[in-house]
C-alpha atoms as a PDB file:
ATOM      1  CA  MET A   1     100.068 105.893  91.625  1.00  0.00           C
ATOM      2  CA  THR A   2     102.018 106.667  94.773  1.00  0.00           C
ATOM      3  CA  LEU A   3     100.296 109.231  97.023  1.00  0.00           C
ATOM      4  CA  PHE A   4     103.340 109.725  99.198  1.00  0.00           C
ATOM      5  CA  THR A   5     106.358 107.987 100.661  1.00  0.00           C
ATOM      6  CA  THR A   6     106.974 107.776 104.372  1.00  0.00           C
ATOM      7  CA  THR A   7     109.176 106.105 106.945  1.00  0.00           C
ATOM      8  CA  LEU A   8     107.823 104.034 109.811  1.00  0.00           C
ATOM      9  CA  ILE A   9     109.849 102.751 112.765  1.00  0.00           C
ATOM     10  CA  LEU A  10     109.584  98.972 113.169  1.00  0.00           C
ATOM     11  CA  LYS A  11     111.635  97.203 115.832  1.00  0.00           C
ATOM     12  CA  ASN A  12     113.882 100.287 116.165  1.00  0.00           C
ATOM     13  CA  LYS A  13     114.617 100.311 112.440  1.00  0.00           C
ATOM     14  CA  ALA A  14     113.478 102.940 109.933  1.00  0.00           C
ATOM     15  CA  VAL A  15     111.500 101.297 107.128  1.00  0.00           C
ATOM     16  CA  PRO A  16     110.548 103.367 104.061  1.00  0.00           C
ATOM     17  CA  TYR A  17     107.040 102.798 102.703  1.00  0.00           C
ATOM     18  CA  GLN A  18     105.213 103.815  99.553  1.00  0.00           C
ATOM     19  CA  VAL A  19     101.550 104.670 100.095  1.00  0.00           C
ATOM     20  CA  TYR A  20      99.010 104.094  97.327  1.00  0.00           C
ATOM     21  CA  LYS A  21      95.270 104.767  97.099  1.00  0.00           C
ATOM     22  CA  GLU A  22      93.143 101.713  96.330  1.00  0.00           C
ATOM     23  CA  GLY A  23      89.449 102.563  96.231  1.00  0.00           C
ATOM     24  CA  ASP A  24      88.530 103.862  99.692  1.00  0.00           C
ATOM     25  CA  ARG A  25      91.692 102.476 101.306  1.00  0.00           C
ATOM     26  CA  LEU A  26      95.361 103.399 101.509  1.00  0.00           C
ATOM     27  CA  PHE A  27      97.862 100.639 100.776  1.00  0.00           C
ATOM     28  CA  PHE A  28     101.201 100.705 102.638  1.00  0.00           C
ATOM     29  CA  LYS A  29     103.974  98.723 100.949  1.00  0.00           C
ATOM     30  CA  PRO A  30     107.611  98.617 102.117  1.00  0.00           C
ATOM     31  CA  VAL A  31     109.982 100.037  99.505  1.00  0.00           C
ATOM     32  CA  ASP A  32     112.534  97.235 100.053  1.00  0.00           C
ATOM     33  CA  MET A  33     110.787  93.910 100.580  1.00  0.00           C
ATOM     34  CA  ASN A  34     114.184  92.220 101.108  1.00  0.00           C
ATOM     35  CA  SER A  35     115.481  94.516 103.862  1.00  0.00           C
ATOM     36  CA  GLY A  36     115.639  91.773 106.483  1.00  0.00           C
ATOM     37  CA  THR A  37     113.033  93.547 108.621  1.00  0.00           C
ATOM     38  CA  ASP A  38     109.671  91.853 109.001  1.00  0.00           C
ATOM     39  CA  ALA A  39     107.828  94.870 107.573  1.00  0.00           C
ATOM     40  CA  PRO A  40     104.121  94.255 107.062  1.00  0.00           C
ATOM     41  CA  ILE A  41     102.139  95.140 103.967  1.00  0.00           C
ATOM     42  CA  PHE A  42      98.815  96.592 105.071  1.00  0.00           C
ATOM     43  CA  TRP A  43      95.745  98.629 104.181  1.00  0.00           C
ATOM     44  CA  VAL A  44      94.234 101.541 106.086  1.00  0.00           C
ATOM     45  CA  ARG A  45      90.599 102.644 105.923  1.00  0.00           C
ATOM     46  CA  ASN A  46      88.996 105.851 107.143  1.00  0.00           C
ATOM     47  CA  SER A  47      86.154 104.976 109.496  1.00  0.00           C
ATOM     48  CA  ALA A  48      84.170 107.871 110.981  1.00  0.00           C
ATOM     49  CA  GLY A  49      87.136 110.224 110.469  1.00  0.00           C
ATOM     50  CA  VAL A  50      89.717 107.884 112.026  1.00  0.00           C
ATOM     51  CA  TRP A  51      92.302 106.094 109.883  1.00  0.00           C
ATOM     52  CA  LYS A  52      92.445 102.442 110.980  1.00  0.00           C
ATOM     53  CA  PRO A  53      94.868  99.812 109.681  1.00  0.00           C
ATOM     54  CA  ILE A  54      92.836  96.812 108.566  1.00  0.00           C
ATOM     55  CA  ASN A  55      95.284  93.957 109.095  1.00  0.00           C
ATOM     56  CA  VAL A  56      97.644  95.323 111.777  1.00  0.00           C
ATOM     57  CA  SER A  57      97.277  94.907 115.536  1.00  0.00           C
ATOM     58  CA  ASP A  58     100.514  96.506 116.859  1.00  0.00           C
ATOM     59  CA  ILE A  59      99.292  99.622 118.709  1.00  0.00           C
ATOM     60  CA  HIS A  60     102.628 101.455 118.230  1.00  0.00           C
ATOM     61  CA  LEU A  61     102.457 100.937 114.472  1.00  0.00           C
ATOM     62  CA  ILE A  62      98.785 101.968 114.395  1.00  0.00           C
ATOM     63  CA  LYS A  63      99.532 105.242 116.206  1.00  0.00           C
ATOM     64  CA  GLN A  64     102.472 105.964 113.864  1.00  0.00           C
ATOM     65  CA  VAL A  65     100.316 105.337 110.810  1.00  0.00           C
ATOM     66  CA  GLN A  66      97.473 107.525 112.080  1.00  0.00           C
ATOM     67  CA  ALA A  67      99.826 110.416 112.874  1.00  0.00           C
ATOM     68  CA  ASN A  68     101.661 109.932 109.602  1.00  0.00           C
ATOM     69  CA  ILE A  69      98.500 110.040 107.474  1.00  0.00           C
ATOM     70  CA  SER A  70      97.268 113.138 109.312  1.00  0.00           C
ATOM     71  CA  ASP A  71     100.591 114.897 108.735  1.00  0.00           C
ATOM     72  CA  HIS A  72     100.694 114.047 105.032  1.00  0.00           C
ATOM     73  CA  PHE A  73      97.102 115.076 104.361  1.00  0.00           C
ATOM     74  CA  ALA A  74      97.648 118.350 106.242  1.00  0.00           C
ATOM     75  CA  GLU A  75     100.741 119.021 104.076  1.00  0.00           C
ATOM     76  CA  MET A  76      98.793 118.225 100.882  1.00  0.00           C
ATOM     77  CA  GLN A  77      95.930 120.523 101.895  1.00  0.00           C
ATOM     78  CA  GLU A  78      98.377 123.321 102.707  1.00  0.00           C
ATOM     79  CA  ALA A  79     100.064 122.895  99.317  1.00  0.00           C
ATOM     80  CA  ASP A  80      96.670 123.046  97.586  1.00  0.00           C
ATOM     81  CA  LYS A  81      96.008 126.463  99.189  1.00  0.00           C
ATOM     82  CA  LYS A  82      99.116 127.962  97.567  1.00  0.00           C
END
């Protein structure tokens, strides 16, 4: 089940992703695998309150993902309060 969809910027190109929950990890999968952009598929794990991509080393992508997850979880918590 998709938790949320998001867009990440990779090599100055907007790439839409679907985010799934798999056990204790989040799985990021590009919506269009044939877009021509080398968009990685990756997992993210929460370690001591910090979301860390498991198989990604690009610091710009890591920061985007961390901010993106924080934003989405804040939105979901706000919606739950209503």
